Amino acid sequence: MYAKIQITGKIELKTGMHIGGSSAFAAIGAVDSPVIKDIRTNLPMIPGSSLKGKIRTLLAREYNQELAPRPDDDHERLTRLFGSAKEKKGRQSRILISDMFMANEKELRDQGLQSMTEIKFENTINRATAVANPRQIERAIRGTVFELDMIYEVKKEEEILEDMEILAEGMKLLQYDYLGGSGSRGYGKVVFKDIQVESVVGEVDSQIMDACGELMKKVERA
């Protein structure tokens, strides 16, 4: 069987989020740690690899009986969904997550915001010497919304619901964790909203599609 299921929706930031970009050519006095931005709009973005990697990492903590040194050694249900490059046992990922771009710039500017990022000043102090190490961290601002677009490639119809359960569980776990860096300092809290599931290539049983939709509805938090 060959079919594709599209999962769309939104990711909203509940706190500032930092996913690092390059500072290789930063001018003197520039921010120490900028966020990654869409080169066309200069607006913050979420790389698909960041979301996929974080979801997989959270699921690995839940499903792996012991610490797997490499993703290729994850639980069978995880390698089936996310893929594996293990020699002679390679698996293609069934889930494709596109880069996510900002969807509500106009709304935020209408609220009076001039910039879609903020600079957070942080400081660490050496306990032995009392020497301060100040730094500037750029963050995508609270309230930013990004467009979510994922494609699930159907290999076996009887495995669709199992795979969707895994994906939905990972998305739920993320909402109780963080995306990007510095989560222990309050960065990167996100929620999923307006999730829709649609068969876009081939034909998938309507009952299975309805069940997939119900699974994704349970992901969303107020």
C-alpha atoms as a PDB file:
ATOM      1  CA  MET A   1       0.000   0.000   0.000  1.00  0.00           C
ATOM      2  CA  TYR A   2       1.235   3.495  -0.806  1.00  0.00           C
ATOM      3  CA  ALA A   3      -0.387   6.602   0.626  1.00  0.00           C
ATOM      4  CA  LYS A   4       0.507   9.835   2.391  1.00  0.00           C
ATOM      5  CA  ILE A   5      -1.239  11.519   5.304  1.00  0.00           C
ATOM      6  CA  GLN A   6      -0.750  15.229   5.960  1.00  0.00           C
ATOM      7  CA  ILE A   7      -0.838  16.646   9.482  1.00  0.00           C
ATOM      8  CA  THR A   8      -1.166  20.417   9.671  1.00  0.00           C
ATOM      9  CA  GLY A   9      -1.696  22.887  12.481  1.00  0.00           C
ATOM     10  CA  LYS A  10       0.087  25.552  14.474  1.00  0.00           C
ATOM     11  CA  ILE A  11       2.801  25.759  17.106  1.00  0.00           C
ATOM     12  CA  GLU A  12       2.409  28.667  19.505  1.00  0.00           C
ATOM     13  CA  LEU A  13       5.179  29.888  21.789  1.00  0.00           C
ATOM     14  CA  LYS A  14       4.133  30.288  25.407  1.00  0.00           C
ATOM     15  CA  THR A  15       7.570  31.592  26.370  1.00  0.00           C
ATOM     16  CA  GLY A  16      10.504  32.991  24.402  1.00  0.00           C
ATOM     17  CA  MET A  17      12.304  30.357  22.342  1.00  0.00           C
ATOM     18  CA  HIS A  18      15.941  30.117  21.281  1.00  0.00           C
ATOM     19  CA  ILE A  19      16.985  27.855  18.429  1.00  0.00           C
ATOM     20  CA  GLY A  20      20.465  29.024  17.570  1.00  0.00           C
ATOM     21  CA  GLY A  21      21.572  30.419  14.230  1.00  0.00           C
ATOM     22  CA  SER A  22      25.012  31.304  12.912  1.00  0.00           C
ATOM     23  CA  SER A  23      26.970  34.185  14.400  1.00  0.00           C
ATOM     24  CA  ALA A  24      30.043  33.580  12.234  1.00  0.00           C
ATOM     25  CA  PHE A  25      29.831  37.000  10.587  1.00  0.00           C
ATOM     26  CA  ALA A  26      28.402  38.994  13.479  1.00  0.00           C
ATOM     27  CA  ALA A  27      29.564  42.584  13.811  1.00  0.00           C
ATOM     28  CA  ILE A  28      31.253  43.905  16.935  1.00  0.00           C
ATOM     29  CA  GLY A  29      28.596  44.556  19.552  1.00  0.00           C
ATOM     30  CA  ALA A  30      26.107  42.144  17.957  1.00  0.00           C
ATOM     31  CA  VAL A  31      24.042  39.632  19.944  1.00  0.00           C
ATOM     32  CA  ASP A  32      26.173  36.801  21.314  1.00  0.00           C
ATOM     33  CA  SER A  33      23.701  34.071  20.379  1.00  0.00           C
ATOM     34  CA  PRO A  34      21.193  34.884  17.607  1.00  0.00           C
ATOM     35  CA  VAL A  35      18.206  32.729  16.661  1.00  0.00           C
ATOM     36  CA  ILE A  36      17.925  30.987  13.322  1.00  0.00           C
ATOM     37  CA  LYS A  37      15.915  33.019  10.809  1.00  0.00           C
ATOM     38  CA  ASP A  38      14.322  32.584   7.405  1.00  0.00           C
ATOM     39  CA  ILE A  39      16.809  34.218   5.036  1.00  0.00           C
ATOM     40  CA  ARG A  40      13.998  35.634   2.866  1.00  0.00           C
ATOM     41  CA  THR A  41      12.025  37.385   5.614  1.00  0.00           C
ATOM     42  CA  ASN A  42      14.581  37.659   8.452  1.00  0.00           C
ATOM     43  CA  LEU A  43      11.890  36.281  10.770  1.00  0.00           C
ATOM     44  CA  PRO A  44      12.481  33.486  13.293  1.00  0.00           C
ATOM     45  CA  MET A  45      11.731  29.952  12.129  1.00  0.00           C
ATOM     46  CA  ILE A  46      11.711  26.403  13.498  1.00  0.00           C
ATOM     47  CA  PRO A  47      13.764  23.898  11.493  1.00  0.00           C
ATOM     48  CA  GLY A  48      11.897  20.653  10.900  1.00  0.00           C
ATOM     49  CA  SER A  49      14.966  18.784  12.158  1.00  0.00           C
ATOM     50  CA  SER A  50      14.737  20.559  15.531  1.00  0.00           C
ATOM     51  CA  LEU A  51      11.130  19.485  16.081  1.00  0.00           C
ATOM     52  CA  LYS A  52      11.683  15.955  14.808  1.00  0.00           C
ATOM     53  CA  GLY A  53      14.827  15.456  16.868  1.00  0.00           C
ATOM     54  CA  LYS A  54      13.239  16.746  20.070  1.00  0.00           C
ATOM     55  CA  ILE A  55      10.133  14.579  19.692  1.00  0.00           C
ATOM     56  CA  ARG A  56      12.269  11.514  19.025  1.00  0.00           C
ATOM     57  CA  THR A  57      14.501  12.228  22.020  1.00  0.00           C
ATOM     58  CA  LEU A  58      11.513  12.517  24.354  1.00  0.00           C
ATOM     59  CA  LEU A  59      10.004   9.293  23.024  1.00  0.00           C
ATOM     60  CA  ALA A  60      13.351   7.523  23.413  1.00  0.00           C
ATOM     61  CA  ARG A  61      13.303   8.337  27.135  1.00  0.00           C
ATOM     62  CA  GLU A  62       9.896   6.703  27.391  1.00  0.00           C
ATOM     63  CA  TYR A  63      10.287   3.671  25.138  1.00  0.00           C
ATOM     64  CA  ASN A  64      13.934   2.644  25.442  1.00  0.00           C
ATOM     65  CA  GLN A  65      14.491   0.238  28.326  1.00  0.00           C
ATOM     66  CA  GLU A  66      18.013   1.582  28.709  1.00  0.00           C
ATOM     67  CA  LEU A  67      19.986   4.498  27.333  1.00  0.00           C
ATOM     68  CA  ALA A  68      20.578   3.954  23.607  1.00  0.00           C
ATOM     69  CA  PRO A  69      24.005   5.311  22.595  1.00  0.00           C
ATOM     70  CA  ARG A  70      22.690   6.145  19.118  1.00  0.00           C
ATOM     71  CA  PRO A  71      19.235   6.827  17.635  1.00  0.00           C
ATOM     72  CA  ASP A  72      19.771   3.745  15.446  1.00  0.00           C
ATOM     73  CA  ASP A  73      19.527   1.675  18.656  1.00  0.00           C
ATOM     74  CA  ASP A  74      16.132   3.085  19.654  1.00  0.00           C
ATOM     75  CA  HIS A  75      13.071   0.948  20.334  1.00  0.00           C
ATOM     76  CA  GLU A  76      11.734  -0.782  17.211  1.00  0.00           C
ATOM     77  CA  ARG A  77       8.600   1.384  17.129  1.00  0.00           C
ATOM     78  CA  LEU A  78      10.745   4.514  17.062  1.00  0.00           C
ATOM     79  CA  THR A  79      13.084   3.369  14.304  1.00  0.00           C
ATOM     80  CA  ARG A  80      10.044   2.285  12.299  1.00  0.00           C
ATOM     81  CA  LEU A  81       8.578   5.787  12.464  1.00  0.00           C
ATOM     82  CA  PHE A  82      11.687   7.978  12.488  1.00  0.00           C
ATOM     83  CA  GLY A  83      14.071   5.793  10.509  1.00  0.00           C
ATOM     84  CA  SER A  84      17.453   4.213  11.119  1.00  0.00           C
ATOM     85  CA  ALA A  85      20.812   4.212   9.361  1.00  0.00           C
ATOM     86  CA  LYS A  86      21.966   1.031  11.085  1.00  0.00           C
ATOM     87  CA  GLU A  87      24.158  -1.091   8.852  1.00  0.00           C
ATOM     88  CA  LYS A  88      22.161  -3.812   7.051  1.00  0.00           C
ATOM     89  CA  LYS A  89      19.052  -2.767   9.003  1.00  0.00           C
ATOM     90  CA  GLY A  90      18.467   0.682   7.566  1.00  0.00           C
ATOM     91  CA  ARG A  91      14.947   2.098   7.570  1.00  0.00           C
ATOM     92  CA  GLN A  92      13.576   5.129   5.809  1.00  0.00           C
ATOM     93  CA  SER A  93      11.778   7.623   8.028  1.00  0.00           C
ATOM     94  CA  ARG A  94       7.999   7.505   7.657  1.00  0.00           C
ATOM     95  CA  ILE A  95       7.551  11.050   8.941  1.00  0.00           C
ATOM     96  CA  LEU A  96       8.670  14.194   7.128  1.00  0.00           C
ATOM     97  CA  ILE A  97       8.541  17.465   9.071  1.00  0.00           C
ATOM     98  CA  SER A  98       8.925  20.654   7.055  1.00  0.00           C
ATOM     99  CA  ASP A  99      10.645  23.797   8.303  1.00  0.00           C
ATOM    100  CA  MET A 100       8.117  26.001  10.094  1.00  0.00           C
ATOM    101  CA  PHE A 101       7.730  29.686   9.344  1.00  0.00           C
ATOM    102  CA  MET A 102       6.099  32.509  11.246  1.00  0.00           C
ATOM    103  CA  ALA A 103       2.357  32.871  10.596  1.00  0.00           C
ATOM    104  CA  ASN A 104       1.215  35.853  12.685  1.00  0.00           C
ATOM    105  CA  GLU A 105       3.676  38.692  12.050  1.00  0.00           C
ATOM    106  CA  LYS A 106       0.914  41.125  11.061  1.00  0.00           C
ATOM    107  CA  GLU A 107      -1.132  40.332  14.165  1.00  0.00           C
ATOM    108  CA  LEU A 108       1.841  40.981  16.443  1.00  0.00           C
ATOM    109  CA  ARG A 109       2.760  44.210  14.659  1.00  0.00           C
ATOM    110  CA  ASP A 110      -0.866  45.365  14.943  1.00  0.00           C
ATOM    111  CA  GLN A 111      -0.412  44.935  18.702  1.00  0.00           C
ATOM    112  CA  GLY A 112       2.423  47.460  18.586  1.00  0.00           C
ATOM    113  CA  LEU A 113       5.439  45.152  18.492  1.00  0.00           C
ATOM    114  CA  GLN A 114       8.336  46.468  16.427  1.00  0.00           C
ATOM    115  CA  SER A 115      10.501  43.351  16.474  1.00  0.00           C
ATOM    116  CA  MET A 116       9.663  39.657  16.247  1.00  0.00           C
ATOM    117  CA  THR A 117      12.579  38.754  18.513  1.00  0.00           C
ATOM    118  CA  GLU A 118      13.773  39.945  21.916  1.00  0.00           C
ATOM    119  CA  ILE A 119      17.186  40.143  23.536  1.00  0.00           C
ATOM    120  CA  LYS A 120      17.473  38.491  26.923  1.00  0.00           C
ATOM    121  CA  PHE A 121      20.478  39.501  28.992  1.00  0.00           C
ATOM    122  CA  GLU A 122      21.940  36.686  31.075  1.00  0.00           C
ATOM    123  CA  ASN A 123      24.894  36.511  33.392  1.00  0.00           C
ATOM    124  CA  THR A 124      26.930  33.726  34.950  1.00  0.00           C
ATOM    125  CA  ILE A 125      29.299  34.337  37.846  1.00  0.00           C
ATOM    126  CA  ASN A 126      32.332  32.241  38.661  1.00  0.00           C
ATOM    127  CA  ARG A 127      31.841  31.202  42.282  1.00  0.00           C
ATOM    128  CA  ALA A 128      35.574  31.025  42.953  1.00  0.00           C
ATOM    129  CA  THR A 129      36.598  34.349  41.420  1.00  0.00           C
ATOM    130  CA  ALA A 130      33.290  36.273  41.356  1.00  0.00           C
ATOM    131  CA  VAL A 131      34.060  37.184  37.719  1.00  0.00           C
ATOM    132  CA  ALA A 132      30.905  37.853  35.724  1.00  0.00           C
ATOM    133  CA  ASN A 133      30.326  36.517  32.221  1.00  0.00           C
ATOM    134  CA  PRO A 134      27.432  38.504  30.707  1.00  0.00           C
ATOM    135  CA  ARG A 135      25.856  37.460  27.420  1.00  0.00           C
ATOM    136  CA  GLN A 136      22.976  38.392  25.161  1.00  0.00           C
ATOM    137  CA  ILE A 137      20.548  35.698  23.984  1.00  0.00           C
ATOM    138  CA  GLU A 138      18.097  36.363  21.166  1.00  0.00           C
ATOM    139  CA  ARG A 139      14.674  34.713  21.439  1.00  0.00           C
ATOM    140  CA  ALA A 140      11.571  34.402  19.295  1.00  0.00           C
ATOM    141  CA  ILE A 141       8.917  36.201  21.337  1.00  0.00           C
ATOM    142  CA  ARG A 142       6.058  34.757  23.339  1.00  0.00           C
ATOM    143  CA  GLY A 143       2.879  34.554  21.266  1.00  0.00           C
ATOM    144  CA  THR A 144       4.632  33.775  17.996  1.00  0.00           C
ATOM    145  CA  VAL A 145       2.778  31.201  15.889  1.00  0.00           C
ATOM    146  CA  PHE A 146       4.424  28.884  13.365  1.00  0.00           C
ATOM    147  CA  GLU A 147       2.736  26.808  10.648  1.00  0.00           C
ATOM    148  CA  LEU A 148       3.070  23.048  11.238  1.00  0.00           C
ATOM    149  CA  ASP A 149       3.243  20.720   8.235  1.00  0.00           C
ATOM    150  CA  MET A 150       4.082  17.007   8.556  1.00  0.00           C
ATOM    151  CA  ILE A 151       3.722  14.197   6.023  1.00  0.00           C
ATOM    152  CA  TYR A 152       3.357  10.589   7.157  1.00  0.00           C
ATOM    153  CA  GLU A 153       4.113   7.976   4.503  1.00  0.00           C
ATOM    154  CA  VAL A 154       1.947   4.886   4.816  1.00  0.00           C
ATOM    155  CA  LYS A 155       3.809   1.607   4.454  1.00  0.00           C
ATOM    156  CA  LYS A 156       1.291  -0.778   6.001  1.00  0.00           C
ATOM    157  CA  GLU A 157      -2.288   0.220   6.722  1.00  0.00           C
ATOM    158  CA  GLU A 158      -2.369  -1.937   9.856  1.00  0.00           C
ATOM    159  CA  GLU A 159       0.539   0.086  11.323  1.00  0.00           C
ATOM    160  CA  ILE A 160      -0.907   3.565  10.761  1.00  0.00           C
ATOM    161  CA  LEU A 161      -2.635   3.895  14.127  1.00  0.00           C
ATOM    162  CA  GLU A 162       0.361   2.547  16.040  1.00  0.00           C
ATOM    163  CA  ASP A 163       2.628   5.087  14.342  1.00  0.00           C
ATOM    164  CA  MET A 164       0.157   7.920  14.901  1.00  0.00           C
ATOM    165  CA  GLU A 165      -0.126   6.993  18.576  1.00  0.00           C
ATOM    166  CA  ILE A 166       3.661   7.266  18.890  1.00  0.00           C
ATOM    167  CA  LEU A 167       3.739  10.627  17.092  1.00  0.00           C
ATOM    168  CA  ALA A 168       0.847  12.026  19.134  1.00  0.00           C
ATOM    169  CA  GLU A 169       2.515  10.882  22.351  1.00  0.00           C
ATOM    170  CA  GLY A 170       5.739  12.639  21.364  1.00  0.00           C
ATOM    171  CA  MET A 171       3.867  15.852  20.612  1.00  0.00           C
ATOM    172  CA  LYS A 172       2.131  15.687  23.996  1.00  0.00           C
ATOM    173  CA  LEU A 173       5.441  15.088  25.763  1.00  0.00           C
ATOM    174  CA  LEU A 174       6.934  18.133  24.061  1.00  0.00           C
ATOM    175  CA  GLN A 175       4.231  20.379  25.506  1.00  0.00           C
ATOM    176  CA  TYR A 176       5.444  19.368  28.977  1.00  0.00           C
ATOM    177  CA  ASP A 177       9.071  19.894  28.018  1.00  0.00           C
ATOM    178  CA  TYR A 178      10.669  22.553  25.795  1.00  0.00           C
ATOM    179  CA  LEU A 179      11.818  23.192  22.233  1.00  0.00           C
ATOM    180  CA  GLY A 180      15.209  24.719  21.508  1.00  0.00           C
ATOM    181  CA  GLY A 181      17.775  25.587  24.152  1.00  0.00           C
ATOM    182  CA  SER A 182      17.776  26.704  27.797  1.00  0.00           C
ATOM    183  CA  GLY A 183      14.514  25.025  28.749  1.00  0.00           C
ATOM    184  CA  SER A 184      15.581  24.813  32.381  1.00  0.00           C
ATOM    185  CA  ARG A 185      15.700  28.623  32.386  1.00  0.00           C
ATOM    186  CA  GLY A 186      12.167  28.959  31.075  1.00  0.00           C
ATOM    187  CA  TYR A 187      12.732  29.011  27.318  1.00  0.00           C
ATOM    188  CA  GLY A 188      10.861  27.089  24.652  1.00  0.00           C
ATOM    189  CA  LYS A 189       7.456  26.189  26.105  1.00  0.00           C
ATOM    190  CA  VAL A 190       5.118  25.443  23.176  1.00  0.00           C
ATOM    191  CA  VAL A 191       1.580  24.217  22.478  1.00  0.00           C
ATOM    192  CA  PHE A 192       0.036  22.650  19.377  1.00  0.00           C
ATOM    193  CA  LYS A 193      -3.206  24.081  18.016  1.00  0.00           C
ATOM    194  CA  ASP A 194      -5.726  23.519  15.196  1.00  0.00           C
ATOM    195  CA  ILE A 195      -4.338  20.114  14.223  1.00  0.00           C
ATOM    196  CA  GLN A 196      -5.906  18.595  11.111  1.00  0.00           C
ATOM    197  CA  VAL A 197      -5.290  15.167   9.556  1.00  0.00           C
ATOM    198  CA  GLU A 198      -5.977  14.494   5.881  1.00  0.00           C
ATOM    199  CA  SER A 199      -5.207  11.738   3.399  1.00  0.00           C
ATOM    200  CA  VAL A 200      -3.521  13.523   0.481  1.00  0.00           C
ATOM    201  CA  VAL A 201      -2.112  10.666  -1.628  1.00  0.00           C
ATOM    202  CA  GLY A 202      -3.778   7.305  -2.170  1.00  0.00           C
ATOM    203  CA  GLU A 203      -6.765   6.023  -0.231  1.00  0.00           C
ATOM    204  CA  VAL A 204      -6.793   5.264   3.485  1.00  0.00           C
ATOM    205  CA  ASP A 205      -9.755   3.662   5.230  1.00  0.00           C
ATOM    206  CA  SER A 206     -12.068   6.407   6.547  1.00  0.00           C
ATOM    207  CA  GLN A 207     -12.341   4.774   9.979  1.00  0.00           C
ATOM    208  CA  ILE A 208      -8.559   4.819  10.318  1.00  0.00           C
ATOM    209  CA  MET A 209      -8.468   8.473   9.289  1.00  0.00           C
ATOM    210  CA  ASP A 210     -11.163   9.344  11.833  1.00  0.00           C
ATOM    211  CA  ALA A 211      -9.178   7.555  14.536  1.00  0.00           C
ATOM    212  CA  CYS A 212      -6.033   9.467  13.517  1.00  0.00           C
ATOM    213  CA  GLY A 213      -7.953  12.721  13.819  1.00  0.00           C
ATOM    214  CA  GLU A 214      -9.136  11.812  17.308  1.00  0.00           C
ATOM    215  CA  LEU A 215      -5.583  10.987  18.390  1.00  0.00           C
ATOM    216  CA  MET A 216      -4.328  14.367  17.230  1.00  0.00           C
ATOM    217  CA  LYS A 217      -7.208  16.222  18.886  1.00  0.00           C
ATOM    218  CA  LYS A 218      -6.030  14.823  22.213  1.00  0.00           C
ATOM    219  CA  VAL A 219      -2.631  16.448  21.661  1.00  0.00           C
ATOM    220  CA  GLU A 220      -3.955  19.978  21.892  1.00  0.00           C
ATOM    221  CA  ARG A 221      -3.859  21.856  25.177  1.00  0.00           C
ATOM    222  CA  ALA A 222      -5.666  25.056  26.067  1.00  0.00           C
END
